[in-house]
Amino acid sequence: MKPKDIEKLIGEVVEIIYEDKSGKITQRRIEVHGHKAGLLRTTCFTSGGPRVFRVERILAWRRDKVSHAG
């Protein structure tokens, strides 16, 4: 994920495939709020709350069929 791609996603809902530090791979639906220093601030609809994801651990992403959380 490139920084310019992330900027375009702020305020949108996306689905990601994410690998955590232990190597577990999960699919998550998130709303992107911002990014800084390789960290993505989000609301994760999968876990039900705010989350921060490391951009380098996002294996794949796509815009959700719904353009925003509302």
PDB file of N, CA and C in Angstrom:
ATOM      1  N   MET A   1       0.848  -1.175   0.000  1.00  0.00           N
ATOM      2  CA  MET A   1       0.000   0.000   0.000  1.00  0.00           C
ATOM      3  C   MET A   1       0.894   1.238   0.000  1.00  0.00           C
ATOM      4  N   LYS A   2       0.716   2.084  -0.964  1.00  0.00           N
ATOM      5  CA  LYS A   2       1.519   3.303  -1.082  1.00  0.00           C
ATOM      6  C   LYS A   2       0.839   4.450  -0.336  1.00  0.00           C
ATOM      7  N   PRO A   3       1.640   5.396   0.181  1.00  0.00           N
ATOM      8  CA  PRO A   3       1.042   6.532   0.911  1.00  0.00           C
ATOM      9  C   PRO A   3      -0.044   7.260   0.126  1.00  0.00           C
ATOM     10  N   LYS A   4       0.138   7.451  -1.178  1.00  0.00           N
ATOM     11  CA  LYS A   4      -0.891   8.154  -1.956  1.00  0.00           C
ATOM     12  C   LYS A   4      -2.179   7.345  -2.045  1.00  0.00           C
ATOM     13  N   ASP A   5      -2.062   5.990  -2.020  1.00  0.00           N
ATOM     14  CA  ASP A   5      -3.254   5.145  -2.008  1.00  0.00           C
ATOM     15  C   ASP A   5      -3.990   5.279  -0.685  1.00  0.00           C
ATOM     16  N   ILE A   6      -3.234   5.340   0.406  1.00  0.00           N
ATOM     17  CA  ILE A   6      -3.832   5.458   1.737  1.00  0.00           C
ATOM     18  C   ILE A   6      -4.598   6.771   1.857  1.00  0.00           C
ATOM     19  N   GLU A   7      -4.023   7.866   1.370  1.00  0.00           N
ATOM     20  CA  GLU A   7      -4.689   9.173   1.437  1.00  0.00           C
ATOM     21  C   GLU A   7      -6.066   9.121   0.792  1.00  0.00           C
ATOM     22  N   LYS A   8      -6.188   8.398  -0.308  1.00  0.00           N
ATOM     23  CA  LYS A   8      -7.459   8.302  -1.023  1.00  0.00           C
ATOM     24  C   LYS A   8      -8.498   7.486  -0.256  1.00  0.00           C
ATOM     25  N   LEU A   9      -8.039   6.665   0.697  1.00  0.00           N
ATOM     26  CA  LEU A   9      -8.943   5.777   1.419  1.00  0.00           C
ATOM     27  C   LEU A   9      -9.473   6.358   2.730  1.00  0.00           C
ATOM     28  N   ILE A  10      -8.949   7.503   3.157  1.00  0.00           N
ATOM     29  CA  ILE A  10      -9.398   8.093   4.417  1.00  0.00           C
ATOM     30  C   ILE A  10     -10.898   8.381   4.331  1.00  0.00           C
ATOM     31  N   GLY A  11     -11.638   7.863   5.312  1.00  0.00           N
ATOM     32  CA  GLY A  11     -13.087   8.020   5.351  1.00  0.00           C
ATOM     33  C   GLY A  11     -13.847   6.923   4.633  1.00  0.00           C
ATOM     34  N   GLU A  12     -13.128   6.000   4.007  1.00  0.00           N
ATOM     35  CA  GLU A  12     -13.773   4.911   3.279  1.00  0.00           C
ATOM     36  C   GLU A  12     -13.672   3.603   4.039  1.00  0.00           C
ATOM     37  N   VAL A  13     -14.535   2.672   3.654  1.00  0.00           N
ATOM     38  CA  VAL A  13     -14.502   1.322   4.210  1.00  0.00           C
ATOM     39  C   VAL A  13     -13.774   0.433   3.211  1.00  0.00           C
ATOM     40  N   VAL A  14     -12.822  -0.332   3.719  1.00  0.00           N
ATOM     41  CA  VAL A  14     -12.062  -1.256   2.877  1.00  0.00           C
ATOM     42  C   VAL A  14     -11.976  -2.614   3.565  1.00  0.00           C
ATOM     43  N   GLU A  15     -11.746  -3.627   2.766  1.00  0.00           N
ATOM     44  CA  GLU A  15     -11.457  -4.954   3.290  1.00  0.00           C
ATOM     45  C   GLU A  15      -9.967  -5.180   3.138  1.00  0.00           C
ATOM     46  N   ILE A  16      -9.344  -5.735   4.176  1.00  0.00           N
ATOM     47  CA  ILE A  16      -7.918  -6.022   4.104  1.00  0.00           C
ATOM     48  C   ILE A  16      -7.654  -7.475   4.475  1.00  0.00           C
ATOM     49  N   ILE A  17      -6.571  -7.991   3.961  1.00  0.00           N
ATOM     50  CA  ILE A  17      -5.992  -9.249   4.412  1.00  0.00           C
ATOM     51  C   ILE A  17      -4.748  -8.838   5.179  1.00  0.00           C
ATOM     52  N   TYR A  18      -4.671  -9.231   6.446  1.00  0.00           N
ATOM     53  CA  TYR A  18      -3.642  -8.736   7.352  1.00  0.00           C
ATOM     54  C   TYR A  18      -2.912  -9.893   8.017  1.00  0.00           C
ATOM     55  N   GLU A  19      -1.586  -9.761   8.107  1.00  0.00           N
ATOM     56  CA  GLU A  19      -0.777 -10.752   8.810  1.00  0.00           C
ATOM     57  C   GLU A  19      -0.240 -10.124  10.086  1.00  0.00           C
ATOM     58  N   ASP A  20      -0.598 -10.687  11.244  1.00  0.00           N
ATOM     59  CA  ASP A  20      -0.126 -10.114  12.501  1.00  0.00           C
ATOM     60  C   ASP A  20       1.303 -10.569  12.800  1.00  0.00           C
ATOM     61  N   LYS A  21       1.852 -10.088  13.918  1.00  0.00           N
ATOM     62  CA  LYS A  21       3.265 -10.355  14.213  1.00  0.00           C
ATOM     63  C   LYS A  21       3.555 -11.832  14.456  1.00  0.00           C
ATOM     64  N   SER A  22       2.531 -12.613  14.803  1.00  0.00           N
ATOM     65  CA  SER A  22       2.749 -14.049  15.001  1.00  0.00           C
ATOM     66  C   SER A  22       2.567 -14.850  13.713  1.00  0.00           C
ATOM     67  N   GLY A  23       2.177 -14.158  12.626  1.00  0.00           N
ATOM     68  CA  GLY A  23       2.004 -14.818  11.338  1.00  0.00           C
ATOM     69  C   GLY A  23       0.576 -15.231  11.031  1.00  0.00           C
ATOM     70  N   LYS A  24      -0.348 -14.941  11.944  1.00  0.00           N
ATOM     71  CA  LYS A  24      -1.756 -15.270  11.710  1.00  0.00           C
ATOM     72  C   LYS A  24      -2.330 -14.314  10.664  1.00  0.00           C
ATOM     73  N   ILE A  25      -3.030 -14.882   9.684  1.00  0.00           N
ATOM     74  CA  ILE A  25      -3.615 -14.082   8.607  1.00  0.00           C
ATOM     75  C   ILE A  25      -5.120 -13.996   8.812  1.00  0.00           C
ATOM     76  N   THR A  26      -5.636 -12.763   8.764  1.00  0.00           N
ATOM     77  CA  THR A  26      -7.071 -12.539   8.938  1.00  0.00           C
ATOM     78  C   THR A  26      -7.588 -11.596   7.852  1.00  0.00           C
ATOM     79  N   GLN A  27      -8.886 -11.690   7.613  1.00  0.00           N
ATOM     80  CA  GLN A  27      -9.566 -10.751   6.717  1.00  0.00           C
ATOM     81  C   GLN A  27     -10.375  -9.818   7.598  1.00  0.00           C
ATOM     82  N   ARG A  28     -10.264  -8.521   7.356  1.00  0.00           N
ATOM     83  CA  ARG A  28     -10.939  -7.539   8.204  1.00  0.00           C
ATOM     84  C   ARG A  28     -11.617  -6.478   7.352  1.00  0.00           C
ATOM     85  N   ARG A  29     -12.696  -5.946   7.887  1.00  0.00           N
ATOM     86  CA  ARG A  29     -13.417  -4.825   7.245  1.00  0.00           C
ATOM     87  C   ARG A  29     -13.187  -3.626   8.151  1.00  0.00           C
ATOM     88  N   ILE A  30     -12.623  -2.560   7.587  1.00  0.00           N
ATOM     89  CA  ILE A  30     -12.217  -1.405   8.383  1.00  0.00           C
ATOM     90  C   ILE A  30     -12.658  -0.103   7.728  1.00  0.00           C
ATOM     91  N   GLU A  31     -12.799   0.931   8.562  1.00  0.00           N
ATOM     92  CA  GLU A  31     -12.955   2.291   8.056  1.00  0.00           C
ATOM     93  C   GLU A  31     -11.653   3.015   8.360  1.00  0.00           C
ATOM     94  N   VAL A  32     -11.058   3.608   7.359  1.00  0.00           N
ATOM     95  CA  VAL A  32      -9.759   4.266   7.494  1.00  0.00           C
ATOM     96  C   VAL A  32      -9.962   5.696   8.000  1.00  0.00           C
ATOM     97  N   HIS A  33      -9.233   6.048   9.081  1.00  0.00           N
ATOM     98  CA  HIS A  33      -9.309   7.395   9.646  1.00  0.00           C
ATOM     99  C   HIS A  33      -8.061   8.219   9.371  1.00  0.00           C
ATOM    100  N   GLY A  34      -6.913   7.576   9.256  1.00  0.00           N
ATOM    101  CA  GLY A  34      -5.687   8.306   9.013  1.00  0.00           C
ATOM    102  C   GLY A  34      -4.481   7.394   9.056  1.00  0.00           C
ATOM    103  N   HIS A  35      -3.331   7.967   8.754  1.00  0.00           N
ATOM    104  CA  HIS A  35      -2.095   7.193   8.814  1.00  0.00           C
ATOM    105  C   HIS A  35      -0.934   8.105   9.165  1.00  0.00           C
ATOM    106  N   LYS A  36       0.052   7.507   9.811  1.00  0.00           N
ATOM    107  CA  LYS A  36       1.267   8.226  10.178  1.00  0.00           C
ATOM    108  C   LYS A  36       2.342   7.202  10.496  1.00  0.00           C
ATOM    109  N   ALA A  37       3.529   7.429   9.964  1.00  0.00           N
ATOM    110  CA  ALA A  37       4.700   6.596  10.255  1.00  0.00           C
ATOM    111  C   ALA A  37       4.434   5.106  10.046  1.00  0.00           C
ATOM    112  N   GLY A  38       3.743   4.766   8.970  1.00  0.00           N
ATOM    113  CA  GLY A  38       3.506   3.360   8.649  1.00  0.00           C
ATOM    114  C   GLY A  38       2.391   2.700   9.430  1.00  0.00           C
ATOM    115  N   LEU A  39       1.632   3.497  10.196  1.00  0.00           N
ATOM    116  CA  LEU A  39       0.512   2.959  10.971  1.00  0.00           C
ATOM    117  C   LEU A  39      -0.804   3.495  10.414  1.00  0.00           C
ATOM    118  N   LEU A  40      -1.775   2.627  10.318  1.00  0.00           N
ATOM    119  CA  LEU A  40      -3.084   2.975   9.781  1.00  0.00           C
ATOM    120  C   LEU A  40      -4.084   2.992  10.930  1.00  0.00           C
ATOM    121  N   ARG A  41      -4.659   4.174  11.221  1.00  0.00           N
ATOM    122  CA  ARG A  41      -5.689   4.303  12.262  1.00  0.00           C
ATOM    123  C   ARG A  41      -7.041   3.988  11.647  1.00  0.00           C
ATOM    124  N   THR A  42      -7.779   3.085  12.296  1.00  0.00           N
ATOM    125  CA  THR A  42      -9.042   2.622  11.721  1.00  0.00           C
ATOM    126  C   THR A  42     -10.073   2.343  12.793  1.00  0.00           C
ATOM    127  N   THR A  43     -11.298   2.150  12.334  1.00  0.00           N
ATOM    128  CA  THR A  43     -12.312   1.442  13.105  1.00  0.00           C
ATOM    129  C   THR A  43     -12.424   0.082  12.435  1.00  0.00           C
ATOM    130  N   CYS A  44     -12.242  -0.976  13.210  1.00  0.00           N
ATOM    131  CA  CYS A  44     -12.330  -2.329  12.673  1.00  0.00           C
ATOM    132  C   CYS A  44     -13.713  -2.880  12.970  1.00  0.00           C
ATOM    133  N   PHE A  45     -14.479  -3.147  11.922  1.00  0.00           N
ATOM    134  CA  PHE A  45     -15.821  -3.687  12.100  1.00  0.00           C
ATOM    135  C   PHE A  45     -15.764  -5.162  12.482  1.00  0.00           C
ATOM    136  N   THR A  46     -14.657  -5.824  12.194  1.00  0.00           N
ATOM    137  CA  THR A  46     -14.490  -7.231  12.537  1.00  0.00           C
ATOM    138  C   THR A  46     -14.335  -7.401  14.048  1.00  0.00           C
ATOM    139  N   SER A  47     -13.492  -6.559  14.661  1.00  0.00           N
ATOM    140  CA  SER A  47     -13.272  -6.668  16.110  1.00  0.00           C
ATOM    141  C   SER A  47     -14.210  -5.756  16.909  1.00  0.00           C
ATOM    142  N   GLY A  48     -14.845  -4.801  16.233  1.00  0.00           N
ATOM    143  CA  GLY A  48     -15.829  -3.952  16.892  1.00  0.00           C
ATOM    144  C   GLY A  48     -15.271  -2.746  17.614  1.00  0.00           C
ATOM    145  N   GLY A  49     -14.129  -2.234  17.183  1.00  0.00           N
ATOM    146  CA  GLY A  49     -13.579  -1.063  17.848  1.00  0.00           C
ATOM    147  C   GLY A  49     -12.409  -0.449  17.104  1.00  0.00           C
ATOM    148  N   PRO A  50     -11.799   0.565  17.716  1.00  0.00           N
ATOM    149  CA  PRO A  50     -10.653   1.210  17.081  1.00  0.00           C
ATOM    150  C   PRO A  50      -9.463   0.262  17.021  1.00  0.00           C
ATOM    151  N   ARG A  51      -8.719   0.330  15.935  1.00  0.00           N
ATOM    152  CA  ARG A  51      -7.528  -0.505  15.759  1.00  0.00           C
ATOM    153  C   ARG A  51      -6.482   0.282  14.991  1.00  0.00           C
ATOM    154  N   VAL A  52      -5.243  -0.100  15.206  1.00  0.00           N
ATOM    155  CA  VAL A  52      -4.124   0.433  14.435  1.00  0.00           C
ATOM    156  C   VAL A  52      -3.460  -0.754  13.754  1.00  0.00           C
ATOM    157  N   PHE A  53      -3.242  -0.638  12.442  1.00  0.00           N
ATOM    158  CA  PHE A  53      -2.603  -1.695  11.672  1.00  0.00           C
ATOM    159  C   PHE A  53      -1.304  -1.178  11.077  1.00  0.00           C
ATOM    160  N   ARG A  54      -0.302  -2.023  11.037  1.00  0.00           N
ATOM    161  CA  ARG A  54       0.953  -1.692  10.361  1.00  0.00           C
ATOM    162  C   ARG A  54       0.748  -1.877   8.859  1.00  0.00           C
ATOM    163  N   VAL A  55       1.000  -0.829   8.110  1.00  0.00           N
ATOM    164  CA  VAL A  55       0.770  -0.860   6.670  1.00  0.00           C
ATOM    165  C   VAL A  55       1.573  -1.984   6.016  1.00  0.00           C
ATOM    166  N   GLU A  56       2.797  -2.223   6.480  1.00  0.00           N
ATOM    167  CA  GLU A  56       3.646  -3.256   5.861  1.00  0.00           C
ATOM    168  C   GLU A  56       3.090  -4.664   6.045  1.00  0.00           C
ATOM    169  N   ARG A  57       2.142  -4.847   6.973  1.00  0.00           N
ATOM    170  CA  ARG A  57       1.561  -6.171   7.203  1.00  0.00           C
ATOM    171  C   ARG A  57       0.238  -6.380   6.470  1.00  0.00           C
ATOM    172  N   ILE A  58      -0.202  -5.364   5.732  1.00  0.00           N
ATOM    173  CA  ILE A  58      -1.404  -5.520   4.917  1.00  0.00           C
ATOM    174  C   ILE A  58      -0.983  -6.218   3.632  1.00  0.00           C
ATOM    175  N   LEU A  59      -1.485  -7.438   3.449  1.00  0.00           N
ATOM    176  CA  LEU A  59      -1.097  -8.248   2.297  1.00  0.00           C
ATOM    177  C   LEU A  59      -1.897  -7.903   1.048  1.00  0.00           C
ATOM    178  N   ALA A  60      -3.165  -7.511   1.245  1.00  0.00           N
ATOM    179  CA  ALA A  60      -4.039  -7.140   0.126  1.00  0.00           C
ATOM    180  C   ALA A  60      -5.153  -6.264   0.663  1.00  0.00           C
ATOM    181  N   TRP A  61      -5.732  -5.457  -0.220  1.00  0.00           N
ATOM    182  CA  TRP A  61      -6.841  -4.604   0.175  1.00  0.00           C
ATOM    183  C   TRP A  61      -7.718  -4.325  -1.031  1.00  0.00           C
ATOM    184  N   ARG A  62      -8.981  -3.987  -0.752  1.00  0.00           N
ATOM    185  CA  ARG A  62      -9.905  -3.529  -1.794  1.00  0.00           C
ATOM    186  C   ARG A  62     -10.979  -2.680  -1.136  1.00  0.00           C
ATOM    187  N   ARG A  63     -11.485  -1.759  -1.907  1.00  0.00           N
ATOM    188  CA  ARG A  63     -12.591  -0.938  -1.401  1.00  0.00           C
ATOM    189  C   ARG A  63     -13.795  -1.829  -1.172  1.00  0.00           C
ATOM    190  N   ASP A  64     -14.486  -1.556  -0.093  1.00  0.00           N
ATOM    191  CA  ASP A  64     -15.712  -2.285   0.216  1.00  0.00           C
ATOM    192  C   ASP A  64     -16.788  -1.858  -0.771  1.00  0.00           C
ATOM    193  N   LYS A  65     -17.780  -2.685  -0.947  1.00  0.00           N
ATOM    194  CA  LYS A  65     -18.890  -2.335  -1.846  1.00  0.00           C
ATOM    195  C   LYS A  65     -19.653  -1.124  -1.335  1.00  0.00           C
ATOM    196  N   VAL A  66     -19.600  -0.892  -0.016  1.00  0.00           N
ATOM    197  CA  VAL A  66     -20.199   0.292   0.594  1.00  0.00           C
ATOM    198  C   VAL A  66     -19.119   1.345   0.641  1.00  0.00           C
ATOM    199  N   SER A  67     -19.378   2.561   0.155  1.00  0.00           N
ATOM    200  CA  SER A  67     -18.330   3.569   0.046  1.00  0.00           C
ATOM    201  C   SER A  67     -17.955   4.213   1.369  1.00  0.00           C
ATOM    202  N   HIS A  68     -18.820   4.100   2.386  1.00  0.00           N
ATOM    203  CA  HIS A  68     -18.512   4.666   3.705  1.00  0.00           C
ATOM    204  C   HIS A  68     -19.274   3.896   4.769  1.00  0.00           C
ATOM    205  N   ALA A  69     -18.907   4.144   6.018  1.00  0.00           N
ATOM    206  CA  ALA A  69     -19.490   3.365   7.108  1.00  0.00           C
ATOM    207  C   ALA A  69     -20.951   3.715   7.372  1.00  0.00           C
ATOM    208  N   GLY A  70     -21.375   4.928   7.030  1.00  0.00           N
ATOM    209  CA  GLY A  70     -22.726   5.372   7.340  1.00  0.00           C
ATOM    210  C   GLY A  70     -23.733   4.709   6.537  1.00  0.00           C
TER     211      GLY A  70
END
